[in-house]
Amino acid sequence: MTGNRQNITVLGGGAWGTTLAAQAVRRGHEGALYARDAATVAEINEHGRNSRYLPGIALPAGICATTDAASALASAQVILAVIPAQALGQALMQLRDFIPPQAKLVLCAKGIERGTQRFMSEVVHDLLPGQALAALSGPSFAADVAQGLPTAVTIAAEDADLAKALVQALSDKTFRCYASTDLRGVEIGGALKNVLALAAGMAAGRSLGASAQAALVTRGFAELRRIGLKLGGRAETMTGLAVLGDLLLSCSSPQSRNYAYGMALGAGRPTAGLPLAEGVATASVAAQLCAEHDIEAPLMGAIAAVCAGKTTVEEAIAALLSRPLKFED
């Protein structure tokens, strides 16, 4: 695989899926997009817009959107899977007969499967054994990338040649990709930063102040790093774009769905109807993993308890502040 023109298929017609389809076309590739919503498909094809998820943003000509998964995947050389983590397994069960065995599958959603505790790469390996696999992650709001604003991300694959080839295929002057072979570390960071973004949003919604938010993100990163190293990630990945970079972005703006969800929790507002926040499902899995691997992560546990309705934001804050004083680690 080289940086030459390729057939790239995106699975998922939300903001990030549409943005990545636009990026593929801008990069000079054939860009197909599979989405279930017929109205979204029609608007992309007829008007070059996805006003539901990317309001006010014009898409480049050439995206071929469809509700027909078989036709979208028939000639795919690279598949960008932008499917929510908790739905990935079910979706691949339905789509796997259409996925060419030689295609490169790139995971573009972040999370850990609730119930099984499987990372997304494990879900793919179980359902599509032998499929070439990578993950794309990093500090990237869809609206920024869709407008061509400068963005840098990581593409990780256990196969170094695959990672480098995908970087060449997807990078351009405003969308810079870095290669990594630490697939597990990138997956851990992408999943757990969503949980910490919930906490940052709670602090903002509770008007705890900038000092509290800075402390929370810093201590949260210490926990994330401990978890990442314990579960097989590399130290350099934890301080790179895919983990620290993504954490800083997600914990700083209501553009992050997890941050916005946390704000609603912190302010005592209803969360029904808010966009999907993957961190809510991931929080309980993260807490379970920490317990099973004997990882000290009180913040992760507190967030999981709040999301599960087992404690309030005030009670969680009080419990964290009453922990024994110690040296910083």
C-alpha atoms as a PDB file:
ATOM      1  CA  MET A   1       0.000   0.000   0.000  1.00  0.00           C
ATOM      2  CA  THR A   2       1.376   3.417  -0.938  1.00  0.00           C
ATOM      3  CA  GLY A   3       0.217   6.995  -0.829  1.00  0.00           C
ATOM      4  CA  ASN A   4      -1.331   6.590  -4.312  1.00  0.00           C
ATOM      5  CA  ARG A   5      -5.053   6.834  -4.964  1.00  0.00           C
ATOM      6  CA  GLN A   6      -6.946   4.182  -3.037  1.00  0.00           C
ATOM      7  CA  ASN A   7     -10.498   3.122  -2.282  1.00  0.00           C
ATOM      8  CA  ILE A   8     -11.230   4.242   1.280  1.00  0.00           C
ATOM      9  CA  THR A   9     -14.554   3.368   2.885  1.00  0.00           C
ATOM     10  CA  VAL A  10     -15.802   4.979   6.080  1.00  0.00           C
ATOM     11  CA  LEU A  11     -18.305   3.140   8.267  1.00  0.00           C
ATOM     12  CA  GLY A  12     -20.425   5.695  10.108  1.00  0.00           C
ATOM     13  CA  GLY A  13     -22.148   8.903   9.007  1.00  0.00           C
ATOM     14  CA  GLY A  14     -21.726  10.991  12.155  1.00  0.00           C
ATOM     15  CA  ALA A  15     -19.450  13.996  12.543  1.00  0.00           C
ATOM     16  CA  TRP A  16     -16.145  12.101  12.690  1.00  0.00           C
ATOM     17  CA  GLY A  17     -17.084   9.581  10.003  1.00  0.00           C
ATOM     18  CA  THR A  18     -18.170  12.309   7.604  1.00  0.00           C
ATOM     19  CA  THR A  19     -15.032  14.296   8.402  1.00  0.00           C
ATOM     20  CA  LEU A  20     -12.745  11.345   7.687  1.00  0.00           C
ATOM     21  CA  ALA A  21     -14.554  10.663   4.411  1.00  0.00           C
ATOM     22  CA  ALA A  22     -13.978  14.310   3.490  1.00  0.00           C
ATOM     23  CA  GLN A  23     -10.305  13.988   4.454  1.00  0.00           C
ATOM     24  CA  ALA A  24      -9.914  10.896   2.269  1.00  0.00           C
ATOM     25  CA  VAL A  25     -11.361  12.743  -0.730  1.00  0.00           C
ATOM     26  CA  ARG A  26      -9.246  15.841  -0.095  1.00  0.00           C
ATOM     27  CA  ARG A  27      -6.203  13.557   0.028  1.00  0.00           C
ATOM     28  CA  GLY A  28      -7.084  12.345  -3.472  1.00  0.00           C
ATOM     29  CA  HIS A  29      -8.628   8.967  -2.677  1.00  0.00           C
ATOM     30  CA  GLU A  30     -11.920   7.415  -3.700  1.00  0.00           C
ATOM     31  CA  GLY A  31     -14.139   8.088  -0.696  1.00  0.00           C
ATOM     32  CA  ALA A  32     -17.183   5.971   0.119  1.00  0.00           C
ATOM     33  CA  LEU A  33     -19.258   6.478   3.250  1.00  0.00           C
ATOM     34  CA  TYR A  34     -21.700   3.937   4.640  1.00  0.00           C
ATOM     35  CA  ALA A  35     -24.429   5.297   6.912  1.00  0.00           C
ATOM     36  CA  ARG A  36     -27.745   3.880   8.030  1.00  0.00           C
ATOM     37  CA  ASP A  37     -29.648   7.170   7.916  1.00  0.00           C
ATOM     38  CA  ALA A  38     -31.072   7.705   4.422  1.00  0.00           C
ATOM     39  CA  ALA A  39     -31.613  11.434   4.966  1.00  0.00           C
ATOM     40  CA  THR A  40     -27.946  11.941   5.896  1.00  0.00           C
ATOM     41  CA  VAL A  41     -26.835   9.986   2.823  1.00  0.00           C
ATOM     42  CA  ALA A  42     -29.113  11.995   0.541  1.00  0.00           C
ATOM     43  CA  GLU A  43     -27.942  15.345   1.926  1.00  0.00           C
ATOM     44  CA  ILE A  44     -24.261  14.434   1.512  1.00  0.00           C
ATOM     45  CA  ASN A  45     -24.765  13.233  -2.060  1.00  0.00           C
ATOM     46  CA  GLU A  46     -27.126  15.987  -3.211  1.00  0.00           C
ATOM     47  CA  HIS A  47     -25.955  19.033  -1.272  1.00  0.00           C
ATOM     48  CA  GLY A  48     -22.439  18.249  -0.006  1.00  0.00           C
ATOM     49  CA  ARG A  49     -23.508  18.775   3.597  1.00  0.00           C
ATOM     50  CA  ASN A  50     -24.209  16.863   6.788  1.00  0.00           C
ATOM     51  CA  SER A  51     -26.153  19.539   8.619  1.00  0.00           C
ATOM     52  CA  ARG A  52     -27.152  17.241  11.477  1.00  0.00           C
ATOM     53  CA  TYR A  53     -23.570  16.600  12.596  1.00  0.00           C
ATOM     54  CA  LEU A  54     -21.456  19.263  10.855  1.00  0.00           C
ATOM     55  CA  PRO A  55     -23.738  22.301  10.559  1.00  0.00           C
ATOM     56  CA  GLY A  56     -22.499  25.087   8.323  1.00  0.00           C
ATOM     57  CA  ILE A  57     -19.598  23.077   6.872  1.00  0.00           C
ATOM     58  CA  ALA A  58     -19.359  22.415   3.138  1.00  0.00           C
ATOM     59  CA  LEU A  59     -17.958  19.002   2.230  1.00  0.00           C
ATOM     60  CA  PRO A  60     -15.670  18.399  -0.739  1.00  0.00           C
ATOM     61  CA  ALA A  61     -17.190  16.943  -3.876  1.00  0.00           C
ATOM     62  CA  GLY A  62     -16.551  13.262  -4.403  1.00  0.00           C
ATOM     63  CA  ILE A  63     -17.850  11.608  -1.235  1.00  0.00           C
ATOM     64  CA  CYS A  64     -20.071   8.734  -2.332  1.00  0.00           C
ATOM     65  CA  ALA A  65     -22.500   8.108   0.538  1.00  0.00           C
ATOM     66  CA  THR A  66     -24.752   5.066   0.614  1.00  0.00           C
ATOM     67  CA  THR A  67     -26.964   2.959   2.858  1.00  0.00           C
ATOM     68  CA  ASP A  68     -25.802  -0.169   0.994  1.00  0.00           C
ATOM     69  CA  ALA A  69     -22.952  -1.682   2.994  1.00  0.00           C
ATOM     70  CA  ALA A  70     -22.125  -4.293   0.347  1.00  0.00           C
ATOM     71  CA  SER A  71     -21.529  -1.702  -2.370  1.00  0.00           C
ATOM     72  CA  ALA A  72     -19.606   0.614  -0.028  1.00  0.00           C
ATOM     73  CA  LEU A  73     -17.206  -2.156   0.996  1.00  0.00           C
ATOM     74  CA  ALA A  74     -16.891  -4.110  -2.238  1.00  0.00           C
ATOM     75  CA  SER A  75     -13.704  -2.406  -3.457  1.00  0.00           C
ATOM     76  CA  ALA A  76     -12.411  -1.071  -0.135  1.00  0.00           C
ATOM     77  CA  GLN A  77      -8.652  -1.120   0.368  1.00  0.00           C
ATOM     78  CA  VAL A  78      -8.790   0.840   3.629  1.00  0.00           C
ATOM     79  CA  ILE A  79     -11.786   0.807   5.981  1.00  0.00           C
ATOM     80  CA  LEU A  80     -12.155   3.500   8.621  1.00  0.00           C
ATOM     81  CA  ALA A  81     -14.521   2.128  11.277  1.00  0.00           C
ATOM     82  CA  VAL A  82     -16.180   5.084  12.996  1.00  0.00           C
ATOM     83  CA  ILE A  83     -18.702   3.045  14.970  1.00  0.00           C
ATOM     84  CA  PRO A  84     -19.324   3.643  18.707  1.00  0.00           C
ATOM     85  CA  ALA A  85     -17.343   1.230  20.833  1.00  0.00           C
ATOM     86  CA  GLN A  86     -20.342  -0.441  22.435  1.00  0.00           C
ATOM     87  CA  ALA A  87     -21.891  -1.103  19.005  1.00  0.00           C
ATOM     88  CA  LEU A  88     -18.763  -2.207  17.130  1.00  0.00           C
ATOM     89  CA  GLY A  89     -19.111  -5.928  17.780  1.00  0.00           C
ATOM     90  CA  GLN A  90     -22.728  -6.078  16.639  1.00  0.00           C
ATOM     91  CA  ALA A  91     -21.990  -3.949  13.586  1.00  0.00           C
ATOM     92  CA  LEU A  92     -19.070  -6.123  12.502  1.00  0.00           C
ATOM     93  CA  MET A  93     -21.222  -9.224  12.919  1.00  0.00           C
ATOM     94  CA  GLN A  94     -23.599  -7.721  10.344  1.00  0.00           C
ATOM     95  CA  LEU A  95     -20.911  -6.374   8.019  1.00  0.00           C
ATOM     96  CA  ARG A  96     -18.120  -8.957   8.134  1.00  0.00           C
ATOM     97  CA  ASP A  97     -19.324 -10.876   5.062  1.00  0.00           C
ATOM     98  CA  PHE A  98     -18.858  -7.690   3.017  1.00  0.00           C
ATOM     99  CA  ILE A  99     -15.386  -6.757   4.336  1.00  0.00           C
ATOM    100  CA  PRO A 100     -12.627  -7.723   1.895  1.00  0.00           C
ATOM    101  CA  PRO A 101     -10.063  -9.893   3.716  1.00  0.00           C
ATOM    102  CA  GLN A 102      -7.174  -7.895   2.230  1.00  0.00           C
ATOM    103  CA  ALA A 103      -8.556  -4.516   3.397  1.00  0.00           C
ATOM    104  CA  LYS A 104      -6.816  -2.568   6.161  1.00  0.00           C
ATOM    105  CA  LEU A 105      -9.251  -1.856   9.001  1.00  0.00           C
ATOM    106  CA  VAL A 106      -8.616   1.315  11.019  1.00  0.00           C
ATOM    107  CA  LEU A 107     -10.434   1.777  14.332  1.00  0.00           C
ATOM    108  CA  CYS A 108     -11.527   5.396  14.761  1.00  0.00           C
ATOM    109  CA  ALA A 109     -13.795   5.171  17.824  1.00  0.00           C
ATOM    110  CA  LYS A 110     -12.588   4.853  21.415  1.00  0.00           C
ATOM    111  CA  GLY A 111     -13.763   2.654  24.229  1.00  0.00           C
ATOM    112  CA  ILE A 112     -13.737  -0.735  25.961  1.00  0.00           C
ATOM    113  CA  GLU A 113     -16.614  -3.143  25.446  1.00  0.00           C
ATOM    114  CA  ARG A 114     -18.835  -3.319  28.490  1.00  0.00           C
ATOM    115  CA  GLY A 115     -19.447  -6.844  29.762  1.00  0.00           C
ATOM    116  CA  THR A 116     -16.501  -8.467  27.977  1.00  0.00           C
ATOM    117  CA  GLN A 117     -13.808  -5.859  28.840  1.00  0.00           C
ATOM    118  CA  ARG A 118     -12.475  -6.270  25.298  1.00  0.00           C
ATOM    119  CA  PHE A 119     -10.544  -3.474  23.646  1.00  0.00           C
ATOM    120  CA  MET A 120     -11.714  -2.676  20.129  1.00  0.00           C
ATOM    121  CA  SER A 121      -8.752  -4.489  18.550  1.00  0.00           C
ATOM    122  CA  GLU A 122      -9.763  -7.634  20.462  1.00  0.00           C
ATOM    123  CA  VAL A 123     -13.327  -7.330  19.165  1.00  0.00           C
ATOM    124  CA  VAL A 124     -11.978  -7.195  15.607  1.00  0.00           C
ATOM    125  CA  HIS A 125      -9.518 -10.057  16.131  1.00  0.00           C
ATOM    126  CA  ASP A 126     -12.322 -12.248  17.478  1.00  0.00           C
ATOM    127  CA  LEU A 127     -14.708 -11.505  14.590  1.00  0.00           C
ATOM    128  CA  LEU A 128     -12.260 -10.955  11.739  1.00  0.00           C
ATOM    129  CA  PRO A 129      -9.157 -13.019  12.551  1.00  0.00           C
ATOM    130  CA  GLY A 130      -6.208 -12.121  10.388  1.00  0.00           C
ATOM    131  CA  GLN A 131      -7.575  -8.734   9.298  1.00  0.00           C
ATOM    132  CA  ALA A 132      -4.843  -6.080   9.094  1.00  0.00           C
ATOM    133  CA  LEU A 133      -5.663  -3.658  11.894  1.00  0.00           C
ATOM    134  CA  ALA A 134      -4.740  -0.179  13.102  1.00  0.00           C
ATOM    135  CA  ALA A 135      -6.197   2.595  15.275  1.00  0.00           C
ATOM    136  CA  LEU A 136      -6.397   6.327  14.631  1.00  0.00           C
ATOM    137  CA  SER A 137      -6.484   8.549  17.708  1.00  0.00           C
ATOM    138  CA  GLY A 138      -5.403  11.962  18.943  1.00  0.00           C
ATOM    139  CA  PRO A 139      -6.572  15.497  19.743  1.00  0.00           C
ATOM    140  CA  SER A 140      -9.012  16.130  16.910  1.00  0.00           C
ATOM    141  CA  PHE A 141     -12.424  17.755  16.978  1.00  0.00           C
ATOM    142  CA  ALA A 142     -14.354  16.765  13.859  1.00  0.00           C
ATOM    143  CA  ALA A 143     -15.387  20.324  13.043  1.00  0.00           C
ATOM    144  CA  ASP A 144     -11.750  21.490  13.096  1.00  0.00           C
ATOM    145  CA  VAL A 145     -10.598  18.749  10.726  1.00  0.00           C
ATOM    146  CA  ALA A 146     -13.620  19.197   8.452  1.00  0.00           C
ATOM    147  CA  GLN A 147     -12.727  22.872   8.044  1.00  0.00           C
ATOM    148  CA  GLY A 148      -9.116  22.065   7.250  1.00  0.00           C
ATOM    149  CA  LEU A 149      -7.697  23.477  10.474  1.00  0.00           C
ATOM    150  CA  PRO A 150      -4.270  22.117  11.507  1.00  0.00           C
ATOM    151  CA  THR A 151      -4.537  18.813  13.384  1.00  0.00           C
ATOM    152  CA  ALA A 152      -2.099  16.070  14.393  1.00  0.00           C
ATOM    153  CA  VAL A 153      -3.057  12.498  15.285  1.00  0.00           C
ATOM    154  CA  THR A 154      -1.475   9.078  15.777  1.00  0.00           C
ATOM    155  CA  ILE A 155      -2.035   5.960  13.686  1.00  0.00           C
ATOM    156  CA  ALA A 156      -0.962   2.830  15.555  1.00  0.00           C
ATOM    157  CA  ALA A 157      -0.561  -0.720  14.293  1.00  0.00           C
ATOM    158  CA  GLU A 158       1.481  -3.625  15.579  1.00  0.00           C
ATOM    159  CA  ASP A 159       2.884  -3.885  12.042  1.00  0.00           C
ATOM    160  CA  ALA A 160       5.214  -0.890  11.618  1.00  0.00           C
ATOM    161  CA  ASP A 161       4.974  -0.976   7.823  1.00  0.00           C
ATOM    162  CA  LEU A 162       1.188  -0.832   7.999  1.00  0.00           C
ATOM    163  CA  ALA A 163       1.290   2.136  10.382  1.00  0.00           C
ATOM    164  CA  LYS A 164       3.715   4.019   8.124  1.00  0.00           C
ATOM    165  CA  ALA A 165       1.685   3.259   4.994  1.00  0.00           C
ATOM    166  CA  LEU A 166      -1.533   4.523   6.570  1.00  0.00           C
ATOM    167  CA  VAL A 167       0.237   7.676   7.729  1.00  0.00           C
ATOM    168  CA  GLN A 168       1.342   8.318   4.146  1.00  0.00           C
ATOM    169  CA  ALA A 169      -2.132   7.604   2.802  1.00  0.00           C
ATOM    170  CA  LEU A 170      -4.055   9.920   5.127  1.00  0.00           C
ATOM    171  CA  SER A 171      -1.689  12.810   5.910  1.00  0.00           C
ATOM    172  CA  ASP A 172      -1.760  16.142   4.136  1.00  0.00           C
ATOM    173  CA  LYS A 173      -0.619  19.683   4.894  1.00  0.00           C
ATOM    174  CA  THR A 174      -3.250  20.259   7.613  1.00  0.00           C
ATOM    175  CA  PHE A 175      -3.896  16.692   8.833  1.00  0.00           C
ATOM    176  CA  ARG A 176      -0.575  15.335  10.084  1.00  0.00           C
ATOM    177  CA  CYS A 177      -0.382  11.719  11.181  1.00  0.00           C
ATOM    178  CA  TYR A 178       2.379  10.115  13.260  1.00  0.00           C
ATOM    179  CA  ALA A 179       3.058   6.372  13.171  1.00  0.00           C
ATOM    180  CA  SER A 180       3.220   4.143  16.248  1.00  0.00           C
ATOM    181  CA  THR A 181       3.446   0.414  16.905  1.00  0.00           C
ATOM    182  CA  ASP A 182       1.870   0.724  20.372  1.00  0.00           C
ATOM    183  CA  LEU A 183      -1.653  -0.257  19.407  1.00  0.00           C
ATOM    184  CA  ARG A 184      -2.660  -1.224  22.946  1.00  0.00           C
ATOM    185  CA  GLY A 185      -1.302   1.980  24.490  1.00  0.00           C
ATOM    186  CA  VAL A 186      -3.197   4.106  21.964  1.00  0.00           C
ATOM    187  CA  GLU A 187      -6.394   2.157  22.652  1.00  0.00           C
ATOM    188  CA  ILE A 188      -6.033   2.533  26.415  1.00  0.00           C
ATOM    189  CA  GLY A 189      -5.445   6.263  26.190  1.00  0.00           C
ATOM    190  CA  GLY A 190      -8.302   6.876  23.763  1.00  0.00           C
ATOM    191  CA  ALA A 191     -10.759   4.988  25.950  1.00  0.00           C
ATOM    192  CA  LEU A 192      -9.760   6.323  29.366  1.00  0.00           C
ATOM    193  CA  LYS A 193      -9.340   9.975  28.400  1.00  0.00           C
ATOM    194  CA  ASN A 194     -13.112   9.956  27.765  1.00  0.00           C
ATOM    195  CA  VAL A 195     -13.694   8.996  31.399  1.00  0.00           C
ATOM    196  CA  LEU A 196     -11.464  11.813  32.647  1.00  0.00           C
ATOM    197  CA  ALA A 197     -13.202  14.286  30.321  1.00  0.00           C
ATOM    198  CA  LEU A 198     -16.422  13.469  32.164  1.00  0.00           C
ATOM    199  CA  ALA A 199     -14.725  14.472  35.417  1.00  0.00           C
ATOM    200  CA  ALA A 200     -13.390  17.715  33.941  1.00  0.00           C
ATOM    201  CA  GLY A 201     -16.877  18.529  32.734  1.00  0.00           C
ATOM    202  CA  MET A 202     -18.343  17.783  36.163  1.00  0.00           C
ATOM    203  CA  ALA A 203     -15.886  20.215  37.744  1.00  0.00           C
ATOM    204  CA  ALA A 204     -16.840  22.897  35.242  1.00  0.00           C
ATOM    205  CA  GLY A 205     -20.548  22.247  35.669  1.00  0.00           C
ATOM    206  CA  ARG A 206     -20.111  22.489  39.429  1.00  0.00           C
ATOM    207  CA  SER A 207     -18.143  25.763  39.055  1.00  0.00           C
ATOM    208  CA  LEU A 208     -15.211  24.413  41.046  1.00  0.00           C
ATOM    209  CA  GLY A 209     -12.780  26.754  39.320  1.00  0.00           C
ATOM    210  CA  ALA A 210      -9.799  26.485  36.995  1.00  0.00           C
ATOM    211  CA  SER A 211      -7.421  25.422  39.764  1.00  0.00           C
ATOM    212  CA  ALA A 212      -9.540  22.407  40.647  1.00  0.00           C
ATOM    213  CA  GLN A 213      -9.861  21.439  36.992  1.00  0.00           C
ATOM    214  CA  ALA A 214      -6.093  21.611  36.482  1.00  0.00           C
ATOM    215  CA  ALA A 215      -5.500  19.448  39.551  1.00  0.00           C
ATOM    216  CA  LEU A 216      -8.135  16.969  38.458  1.00  0.00           C
ATOM    217  CA  VAL A 217      -6.720  16.565  34.938  1.00  0.00           C
ATOM    218  CA  THR A 218      -3.168  16.226  36.280  1.00  0.00           C
ATOM    219  CA  ARG A 219      -4.063  13.578  38.838  1.00  0.00           C
ATOM    220  CA  GLY A 220      -6.305  11.890  36.311  1.00  0.00           C
ATOM    221  CA  PHE A 221      -3.403  11.654  33.885  1.00  0.00           C
ATOM    222  CA  ALA A 222      -1.276  10.064  36.621  1.00  0.00           C
ATOM    223  CA  GLU A 223      -3.940   7.369  36.985  1.00  0.00           C
ATOM    224  CA  LEU A 224      -4.271   6.930  33.224  1.00  0.00           C
ATOM    225  CA  ARG A 225      -0.498   6.511  32.902  1.00  0.00           C
ATOM    226  CA  ARG A 226      -0.443   3.898  35.680  1.00  0.00           C
ATOM    227  CA  ILE A 227      -3.232   1.971  34.009  1.00  0.00           C
ATOM    228  CA  GLY A 228      -1.673   2.260  30.573  1.00  0.00           C
ATOM    229  CA  LEU A 229       1.709   0.937  31.692  1.00  0.00           C
ATOM    230  CA  LYS A 230       0.157  -1.877  33.716  1.00  0.00           C
ATOM    231  CA  LEU A 231      -1.959  -3.046  30.769  1.00  0.00           C
ATOM    232  CA  GLY A 232       0.877  -3.050  28.259  1.00  0.00           C
ATOM    233  CA  GLY A 233       1.129   0.482  26.898  1.00  0.00           C
ATOM    234  CA  ARG A 234       4.420   2.318  26.509  1.00  0.00           C
ATOM    235  CA  ALA A 235       5.544   5.346  28.491  1.00  0.00           C
ATOM    236  CA  GLU A 236       6.196   7.440  25.376  1.00  0.00           C
ATOM    237  CA  THR A 237       2.670   6.764  24.136  1.00  0.00           C
ATOM    238  CA  MET A 238       1.200   8.042  27.401  1.00  0.00           C
ATOM    239  CA  THR A 239       2.856  11.452  26.897  1.00  0.00           C
ATOM    240  CA  GLY A 240       2.154  11.635  23.170  1.00  0.00           C
ATOM    241  CA  LEU A 241      -0.677  12.857  20.967  1.00  0.00           C
ATOM    242  CA  ALA A 242      -2.882   9.808  21.370  1.00  0.00           C
ATOM    243  CA  VAL A 243      -3.048  10.019  25.175  1.00  0.00           C
ATOM    244  CA  LEU A 244      -1.889  13.267  26.794  1.00  0.00           C
ATOM    245  CA  GLY A 245      -2.729  15.320  23.711  1.00  0.00           C
ATOM    246  CA  ASP A 246      -6.210  13.880  23.394  1.00  0.00           C
ATOM    247  CA  LEU A 247      -6.759  14.189  27.151  1.00  0.00           C
ATOM    248  CA  LEU A 248      -5.906  17.902  27.150  1.00  0.00           C
ATOM    249  CA  LEU A 249      -8.292  18.589  24.276  1.00  0.00           C
ATOM    250  CA  SER A 250     -11.167  16.526  25.640  1.00  0.00           C
ATOM    251  CA  CYS A 251     -10.874  18.069  29.105  1.00  0.00           C
ATOM    252  CA  SER A 252     -10.925  21.653  27.868  1.00  0.00           C
ATOM    253  CA  SER A 253     -14.044  22.268  25.802  1.00  0.00           C
ATOM    254  CA  PRO A 254     -17.780  21.490  25.584  1.00  0.00           C
ATOM    255  CA  GLN A 255     -17.055  20.466  21.982  1.00  0.00           C
ATOM    256  CA  SER A 256     -16.053  17.197  23.638  1.00  0.00           C
ATOM    257  CA  ARG A 257     -19.206  15.133  24.101  1.00  0.00           C
ATOM    258  CA  ASN A 258     -17.820  13.619  27.286  1.00  0.00           C
ATOM    259  CA  TYR A 259     -16.950  17.023  28.734  1.00  0.00           C
ATOM    260  CA  ALA A 260     -20.419  18.333  27.831  1.00  0.00           C
ATOM    261  CA  TYR A 261     -22.064  15.302  29.439  1.00  0.00           C
ATOM    262  CA  GLY A 262     -19.975  15.794  32.571  1.00  0.00           C
ATOM    263  CA  MET A 263     -20.974  19.466  32.690  1.00  0.00           C
ATOM    264  CA  ALA A 264     -24.621  18.460  32.703  1.00  0.00           C
ATOM    265  CA  LEU A 265     -23.995  15.993  35.550  1.00  0.00           C
ATOM    266  CA  GLY A 266     -22.053  18.575  37.533  1.00  0.00           C
ATOM    267  CA  ALA A 267     -24.739  21.226  37.076  1.00  0.00           C
ATOM    268  CA  GLY A 268     -27.540  18.801  37.941  1.00  0.00           C
ATOM    269  CA  ARG A 269     -29.088  19.084  34.481  1.00  0.00           C
ATOM    270  CA  PRO A 270     -30.827  16.184  32.698  1.00  0.00           C
ATOM    271  CA  THR A 271     -28.553  14.129  30.450  1.00  0.00           C
ATOM    272  CA  ALA A 272     -31.320  12.558  28.382  1.00  0.00           C
ATOM    273  CA  GLY A 273     -31.007  13.584  24.764  1.00  0.00           C
ATOM    274  CA  LEU A 274     -27.341  14.573  24.966  1.00  0.00           C
ATOM    275  CA  PRO A 275     -24.986  13.182  22.271  1.00  0.00           C
ATOM    276  CA  LEU A 276     -23.436   9.807  22.992  1.00  0.00           C
ATOM    277  CA  ALA A 277     -20.649  10.035  25.572  1.00  0.00           C
ATOM    278  CA  GLU A 278     -18.512   6.898  25.313  1.00  0.00           C
ATOM    279  CA  GLY A 279     -16.902   7.622  28.683  1.00  0.00           C
ATOM    280  CA  VAL A 280     -20.116   6.752  30.521  1.00  0.00           C
ATOM    281  CA  ALA A 281     -19.979   3.131  29.380  1.00  0.00           C
ATOM    282  CA  THR A 282     -16.196   2.956  29.660  1.00  0.00           C
ATOM    283  CA  ALA A 283     -16.089   4.262  33.257  1.00  0.00           C
ATOM    284  CA  SER A 284     -17.476   1.102  34.830  1.00  0.00           C
ATOM    285  CA  VAL A 285     -15.181  -1.106  32.726  1.00  0.00           C
ATOM    286  CA  ALA A 286     -12.166   1.016  33.688  1.00  0.00           C
ATOM    287  CA  ALA A 287     -13.018   0.703  37.368  1.00  0.00           C
ATOM    288  CA  GLN A 288     -13.343  -3.085  37.029  1.00  0.00           C
ATOM    289  CA  LEU A 289     -10.006  -3.364  35.231  1.00  0.00           C
ATOM    290  CA  CYS A 290      -8.293  -1.312  37.937  1.00  0.00           C
ATOM    291  CA  ALA A 291      -9.747  -3.535  40.663  1.00  0.00           C
ATOM    292  CA  GLU A 292      -8.753  -6.742  38.863  1.00  0.00           C
ATOM    293  CA  HIS A 293      -5.184  -5.556  38.200  1.00  0.00           C
ATOM    294  CA  ASP A 294      -4.730  -3.914  41.621  1.00  0.00           C
ATOM    295  CA  ILE A 295      -4.194  -0.445  40.115  1.00  0.00           C
ATOM    296  CA  GLU A 296      -4.715   2.526  42.407  1.00  0.00           C
ATOM    297  CA  ALA A 297      -7.139   4.773  40.517  1.00  0.00           C
ATOM    298  CA  PRO A 298      -9.533   6.513  42.950  1.00  0.00           C
ATOM    299  CA  LEU A 299     -10.620   9.113  40.411  1.00  0.00           C
ATOM    300  CA  MET A 300     -11.655   6.460  37.876  1.00  0.00           C
ATOM    301  CA  GLY A 301     -13.640   4.719  40.593  1.00  0.00           C
ATOM    302  CA  ALA A 302     -15.348   7.933  41.661  1.00  0.00           C
ATOM    303  CA  ILE A 303     -16.367   8.788  38.096  1.00  0.00           C
ATOM    304  CA  ALA A 304     -17.763   5.290  37.578  1.00  0.00           C
ATOM    305  CA  ALA A 305     -19.796   5.587  40.786  1.00  0.00           C
ATOM    306  CA  VAL A 306     -21.253   8.962  39.738  1.00  0.00           C
ATOM    307  CA  CYS A 307     -22.145   7.681  36.260  1.00  0.00           C
ATOM    308  CA  ALA A 308     -23.819   4.619  37.776  1.00  0.00           C
ATOM    309  CA  GLY A 309     -25.851   6.787  40.171  1.00  0.00           C
ATOM    310  CA  LYS A 310     -24.180   5.199  43.204  1.00  0.00           C
ATOM    311  CA  THR A 311     -22.945   8.529  44.539  1.00  0.00           C
ATOM    312  CA  THR A 312     -23.354  12.232  43.872  1.00  0.00           C
ATOM    313  CA  VAL A 313     -20.780  14.641  42.505  1.00  0.00           C
ATOM    314  CA  GLU A 314     -20.540  16.286  45.958  1.00  0.00           C
ATOM    315  CA  GLU A 315     -20.020  12.956  47.725  1.00  0.00           C
ATOM    316  CA  ALA A 316     -17.377  11.906  45.208  1.00  0.00           C
ATOM    317  CA  ILE A 317     -15.482  15.182  45.650  1.00  0.00           C
ATOM    318  CA  ALA A 318     -15.630  14.882  49.440  1.00  0.00           C
ATOM    319  CA  ALA A 319     -14.352  11.306  49.314  1.00  0.00           C
ATOM    320  CA  LEU A 320     -11.442  12.232  47.046  1.00  0.00           C
ATOM    321  CA  LEU A 321     -10.448  15.206  49.204  1.00  0.00           C
ATOM    322  CA  SER A 322     -10.524  13.099  52.371  1.00  0.00           C
ATOM    323  CA  ARG A 323      -8.021  10.537  51.088  1.00  0.00           C
ATOM    324  CA  PRO A 324      -4.795  10.221  53.126  1.00  0.00           C
ATOM    325  CA  LEU A 325      -2.134  12.798  52.393  1.00  0.00           C
ATOM    326  CA  LYS A 326       0.928  11.399  50.636  1.00  0.00           C
ATOM    327  CA  PHE A 327       3.832  12.110  48.303  1.00  0.00           C
ATOM    328  CA  GLU A 328       2.823  12.842  44.710  1.00  0.00           C
ATOM    329  CA  ASP A 329       3.416   9.936  42.333  1.00  0.00           C
END
